C-alpha atoms as a PDB file:
ATOM      1  CA  MET A   1       0.000   0.000   0.000  1.00  0.00           C
ATOM      2  CA  ALA A   2       1.734   3.147  -1.169  1.00  0.00           C
ATOM      3  CA  TYR A   3       0.964   6.487   0.410  1.00  0.00           C
ATOM      4  CA  VAL A   4       1.075   9.361  -2.032  1.00  0.00           C
ATOM      5  CA  ARG A   5       0.966  12.902  -0.690  1.00  0.00           C
ATOM      6  CA  ASN A   6      -1.397  14.745  -2.917  1.00  0.00           C
ATOM      7  CA  GLY A   7      -4.920  16.018  -2.740  1.00  0.00           C
ATOM      8  CA  LYS A   8      -6.835  15.190   0.431  1.00  0.00           C
ATOM      9  CA  GLU A   9      -4.142  12.914   1.878  1.00  0.00           C
ATOM     10  CA  GLY A  10      -1.468  15.606   1.556  1.00  0.00           C
ATOM     11  CA  GLN A  11      -3.747  18.212   3.123  1.00  0.00           C
ATOM     12  CA  ALA A  12      -4.612  15.855   5.985  1.00  0.00           C
ATOM     13  CA  ALA A  13      -0.913  15.314   6.720  1.00  0.00           C
ATOM     14  CA  SER A  14      -0.281  19.060   6.633  1.00  0.00           C
ATOM     15  CA  ASN A  15      -3.264  19.656   8.939  1.00  0.00           C
ATOM     16  CA  ALA A  16      -1.877  17.024  11.314  1.00  0.00           C
ATOM     17  CA  ALA A  17       1.448  18.870  11.333  1.00  0.00           C
ATOM     18  CA  ALA A  18      -0.380  22.107  12.175  1.00  0.00           C
ATOM     19  CA  VAL A  19      -2.237  20.423  15.044  1.00  0.00           C
ATOM     20  CA  VAL A  20       0.980  19.013  16.511  1.00  0.00           C
ATOM     21  CA  ALA A  21       2.716  22.399  16.157  1.00  0.00           C
ATOM     22  CA  SER A  22      -0.198  24.059  17.966  1.00  0.00           C
ATOM     23  CA  GLN A  23      -0.072  21.502  20.790  1.00  0.00           C
ATOM     24  CA  ILE A  24       3.654  22.114  21.286  1.00  0.00           C
ATOM     25  CA  VAL A  25       3.359  25.916  21.203  1.00  0.00           C
ATOM     26  CA  ALA A  26       0.508  25.727  23.743  1.00  0.00           C
ATOM     27  CA  ARG A  27       3.017  24.158  26.147  1.00  0.00           C
ATOM     28  CA  ALA A  28       5.824  26.563  25.253  1.00  0.00           C
ATOM     29  CA  ASP A  29       6.066  28.265  28.631  1.00  0.00           C
ATOM     30  CA  ARG A  30       7.053  25.036  30.353  1.00  0.00           C
ATOM     31  CA  ASP A  31       8.405  22.800  27.566  1.00  0.00           C
ATOM     32  CA  VAL A  32      10.252  25.070  25.135  1.00  0.00           C
ATOM     33  CA  ALA A  33      13.651  26.410  26.157  1.00  0.00           C
ATOM     34  CA  PHE A  34      16.191  28.451  24.304  1.00  0.00           C
ATOM     35  CA  THR A  35      19.756  27.441  24.945  1.00  0.00           C
ATOM     36  CA  VAL A  36      23.180  28.961  24.776  1.00  0.00           C
ATOM     37  CA  GLN A  37      25.074  27.488  21.863  1.00  0.00           C
ATOM     38  CA  LEU A  38      28.762  27.986  21.149  1.00  0.00           C
ATOM     39  CA  VAL A  39      29.527  28.183  17.435  1.00  0.00           C
ATOM     40  CA  GLY A  40      32.208  29.500  15.118  1.00  0.00           C
ATOM     41  CA  GLU A  41      35.723  30.015  16.401  1.00  0.00           C
ATOM     42  CA  SER A  42      34.841  28.828  19.924  1.00  0.00           C
ATOM     43  CA  ARG A  43      33.678  25.497  18.532  1.00  0.00           C
ATOM     44  CA  HIS A  44      36.838  25.262  16.400  1.00  0.00           C
ATOM     45  CA  ILE A  45      39.035  25.901  19.460  1.00  0.00           C
ATOM     46  CA  LEU A  46      37.313  23.058  21.292  1.00  0.00           C
ATOM     47  CA  VAL A  47      37.677  20.649  18.327  1.00  0.00           C
ATOM     48  CA  GLN A  48      41.376  21.493  18.018  1.00  0.00           C
ATOM     49  CA  HIS A  49      41.826  20.894  21.740  1.00  0.00           C
ATOM     50  CA  PHE A  50      40.328  17.428  21.447  1.00  0.00           C
ATOM     51  CA  VAL A  51      42.374  16.624  18.308  1.00  0.00           C
ATOM     52  CA  GLY A  52      45.542  17.414  20.287  1.00  0.00           C
ATOM     53  CA  PHE A  53      44.278  15.517  23.314  1.00  0.00           C
ATOM     54  CA  ILE A  54      43.484  12.375  21.294  1.00  0.00           C
ATOM     55  CA  GLU A  55      46.771  12.563  19.383  1.00  0.00           C
ATOM     56  CA  ASN A  56      48.664  12.834  22.678  1.00  0.00           C
ATOM     57  CA  GLU A  57      46.777   9.937  24.265  1.00  0.00           C
ATOM     58  CA  LEU A  58      47.362   7.711  21.228  1.00  0.00           C
ATOM     59  CA  GLU A  59      51.027   8.713  21.008  1.00  0.00           C
ATOM     60  CA  GLN A  60      51.545   7.704  24.652  1.00  0.00           C
ATOM     61  CA  ARG A  61      50.237   4.279  23.633  1.00  0.00           C
ATOM     62  CA  GLY A  62      52.553   4.024  20.632  1.00  0.00           C
ATOM     63  CA  VAL A  63      50.028   4.960  17.937  1.00  0.00           C
ATOM     64  CA  VAL A  64      51.249   7.729  15.618  1.00  0.00           C
ATOM     65  CA  TYR A  65      50.340   9.007  12.171  1.00  0.00           C
ATOM     66  CA  GLY A  66      51.431   6.522   9.549  1.00  0.00           C
ATOM     67  CA  ALA A  67      50.484   3.601  11.793  1.00  0.00           C
ATOM     68  CA  HIS A  68      47.128   3.393  10.059  1.00  0.00           C
ATOM     69  CA  PRO A  69      45.779   5.242   6.994  1.00  0.00           C
ATOM     70  CA  LEU A  70      42.475   6.058   8.683  1.00  0.00           C
ATOM     71  CA  LEU A  71      44.014   7.442  11.878  1.00  0.00           C
ATOM     72  CA  ARG A  72      43.474  11.119  10.960  1.00  0.00           C
ATOM     73  CA  PRO A  73      39.756  10.722  10.123  1.00  0.00           C
ATOM     74  CA  PHE A  74      39.352   8.627  13.294  1.00  0.00           C
ATOM     75  CA  ILE A  75      40.889  11.398  15.417  1.00  0.00           C
ATOM     76  CA  GLU A  76      38.891  14.176  13.757  1.00  0.00           C
ATOM     77  CA  THR A  77      35.612  12.279  14.060  1.00  0.00           C
ATOM     78  CA  HIS A  78      36.142  11.555  17.741  1.00  0.00           C
ATOM     79  CA  ALA A  79      37.252  15.135  18.409  1.00  0.00           C
ATOM     80  CA  ARG A  80      33.982  16.402  16.909  1.00  0.00           C
ATOM     81  CA  GLU A  81      31.995  13.865  18.960  1.00  0.00           C
ATOM     82  CA  LEU A  82      33.715  14.972  22.172  1.00  0.00           C
ATOM     83  CA  THR A  83      33.069  18.600  21.210  1.00  0.00           C
ATOM     84  CA  ASP A  84      29.376  17.896  20.599  1.00  0.00           C
ATOM     85  CA  PHE A  85      29.186  16.138  23.971  1.00  0.00           C
ATOM     86  CA  VAL A  86      30.707  19.126  25.790  1.00  0.00           C
ATOM     87  CA  LEU A  87      28.613  21.684  23.943  1.00  0.00           C
ATOM     88  CA  SER A  88      25.348  19.831  24.513  1.00  0.00           C
ATOM     89  CA  GLY A  89      26.133  19.650  28.225  1.00  0.00           C
ATOM     90  CA  VAL A  90      26.927  23.353  28.393  1.00  0.00           C
ATOM     91  CA  SER A  91      23.757  24.358  26.567  1.00  0.00           C
ATOM     92  CA  LEU A  92      21.569  22.187  28.794  1.00  0.00           C
ATOM     93  CA  ARG A  93      22.829  23.910  31.924  1.00  0.00           C
ATOM     94  CA  HIS A  94      21.911  27.368  30.623  1.00  0.00           C
ATOM     95  CA  GLN A  95      18.301  27.047  29.532  1.00  0.00           C
ATOM     96  CA  PHE A  96      15.653  29.692  29.851  1.00  0.00           C
ATOM     97  CA  GLY A  97      12.016  29.434  28.852  1.00  0.00           C
ATOM     98  CA  LEU A  98      10.082  31.150  26.113  1.00  0.00           C
ATOM     99  CA  GLN A  99       8.163  33.370  28.533  1.00  0.00           C
ATOM    100  CA  ALA A 100      11.409  34.721  30.031  1.00  0.00           C
ATOM    101  CA  LEU A 101      12.769  35.429  26.554  1.00  0.00           C
ATOM    102  CA  GLU A 102       9.573  37.243  25.587  1.00  0.00           C
ATOM    103  CA  ARG A 103       9.894  39.437  28.704  1.00  0.00           C
ATOM    104  CA  MET A 104      13.551  40.219  27.949  1.00  0.00           C
ATOM    105  CA  THR A 105      12.885  41.106  24.317  1.00  0.00           C
ATOM    106  CA  GLY A 106       9.664  42.986  25.019  1.00  0.00           C
ATOM    107  CA  ASP A 107       7.635  40.791  22.666  1.00  0.00           C
ATOM    108  CA  PRO A 108       4.047  41.604  23.716  1.00  0.00           C
ATOM    109  CA  LEU A 109       2.630  40.210  20.464  1.00  0.00           C
ATOM    110  CA  ARG A 110       4.316  36.867  21.085  1.00  0.00           C
ATOM    111  CA  LEU A 111       5.877  36.862  17.649  1.00  0.00           C
ATOM    112  CA  LEU A 112       8.407  34.297  18.873  1.00  0.00           C
ATOM    113  CA  ARG A 113       5.566  31.824  19.352  1.00  0.00           C
ATOM    114  CA  VAL A 114       4.314  32.476  15.822  1.00  0.00           C
ATOM    115  CA  ASP A 115       7.818  31.937  14.458  1.00  0.00           C
ATOM    116  CA  LEU A 116       8.150  28.775  16.536  1.00  0.00           C
ATOM    117  CA  TRP A 117       4.783  27.488  15.304  1.00  0.00           C
ATOM    118  CA  ASP A 118       5.696  28.183  11.667  1.00  0.00           C
ATOM    119  CA  SER A 119       9.047  26.451  12.046  1.00  0.00           C
ATOM    120  CA  LEU A 120       7.574  23.429  13.839  1.00  0.00           C
ATOM    121  CA  GLN A 121       4.757  22.994  11.337  1.00  0.00           C
ATOM    122  CA  SER A 122       7.130  23.287   8.393  1.00  0.00           C
ATOM    123  CA  HIS A 123       9.691  20.839   9.820  1.00  0.00           C
ATOM    124  CA  ILE A 124       7.032  18.311  10.830  1.00  0.00           C
ATOM    125  CA  ASP A 125       5.554  18.519   7.350  1.00  0.00           C
ATOM    126  CA  ASP A 126       9.024  18.152   5.765  1.00  0.00           C
ATOM    127  CA  ALA A 127       9.805  15.133   7.964  1.00  0.00           C
ATOM    128  CA  GLN A 128       6.524  13.490   6.959  1.00  0.00           C
ATOM    129  CA  ARG A 129       7.235  14.172   3.274  1.00  0.00           C
ATOM    130  CA  HIS A 130      10.742  12.771   3.616  1.00  0.00           C
ATOM    131  CA  PHE A 131       9.437   9.622   5.284  1.00  0.00           C
ATOM    132  CA  VAL A 132       6.769   9.104   2.614  1.00  0.00           C
ATOM    133  CA  SER A 133       9.324   9.612  -0.170  1.00  0.00           C
ATOM    134  CA  GLY A 134      11.452   6.790   1.262  1.00  0.00           C
ATOM    135  CA  ALA A 135       8.610   4.506   2.306  1.00  0.00           C
ATOM    136  CA  GLY A 136       8.837   2.484  -0.922  1.00  0.00           C
ATOM    137  CA  GLY A 137      12.416   1.515  -0.114  1.00  0.00           C
ATOM    138  CA  MET A 138      11.436   0.569   3.420  1.00  0.00           C
ATOM    139  CA  LEU A 139       8.590  -1.600   2.111  1.00  0.00           C
ATOM    140  CA  ARG A 140      10.992  -3.373  -0.268  1.00  0.00           C
ATOM    141  CA  ILE A 141      13.321  -4.130   2.645  1.00  0.00           C
ATOM    142  CA  LEU A 142      10.419  -5.482   4.713  1.00  0.00           C
ATOM    143  CA  GLU A 143       9.294  -7.643   1.778  1.00  0.00           C
ATOM    144  CA  GLN A 144      12.824  -9.044   1.479  1.00  0.00           C
ATOM    145  CA  ILE A 145      12.903  -9.818   5.196  1.00  0.00           C
ATOM    146  CA  ASP A 146       9.523 -11.547   4.960  1.00  0.00           C
ATOM    147  CA  GLY A 147      10.835 -13.598   2.032  1.00  0.00           C
ATOM    148  CA  ILE A 148      13.864 -14.876   3.970  1.00  0.00           C
ATOM    149  CA  SER A 149      13.214 -18.299   5.393  1.00  0.00           C
ATOM    150  CA  PRO A 150      14.855 -19.192   8.705  1.00  0.00           C
ATOM    151  CA  ALA A 151      17.906 -21.420   8.681  1.00  0.00           C
ATOM    152  CA  PRO A 152      17.147 -25.114   9.219  1.00  0.00           C
ATOM    153  CA  ARG A 153      17.340 -26.126  12.840  1.00  0.00           C
ATOM    154  CA  ASN A 154      19.485 -29.104  13.802  1.00  0.00           C
ATOM    155  CA  GLY A 155      17.595 -30.098  16.912  1.00  0.00           C
ATOM    156  CA  ASN A 156      20.277 -28.752  19.271  1.00  0.00           C
ATOM    157  CA  ASP A 157      19.067 -25.168  18.945  1.00  0.00           C
ATOM    158  CA  VAL A 158      17.056 -23.802  21.796  1.00  0.00           C
END
């Protein structure tokens, strides 16, 4: 059964996205938080720190560049992961709610909520469209799995 987003079905999915966005925005004062996020040069400084840290730790264990062709990508990937871990922890400790932000910015018309609603509705709709566009591939995988017969059992299997 293929789901095609057009006509009534597409409108129903878009309406569902609008309903979900409205439900989330209705809870914005307690559930939506804006966070501090370090970007740009600060993020680069942190990545470079972790690259040096990982290189040093590996060198102390006898692993140096040239020991493996994928060592540099390994180090860079892990440095970015460690950076993301640190930055997500920092941002979580410095949250403030939508209502506080509205007071600070003097937003009596609650335009932030309208922007949030628009963004949520659009992203939910995009996510639904993306899922539907790939659903055929998922169905093919499920059909292949259904078509695979289990290996014969030898009587010793539990």
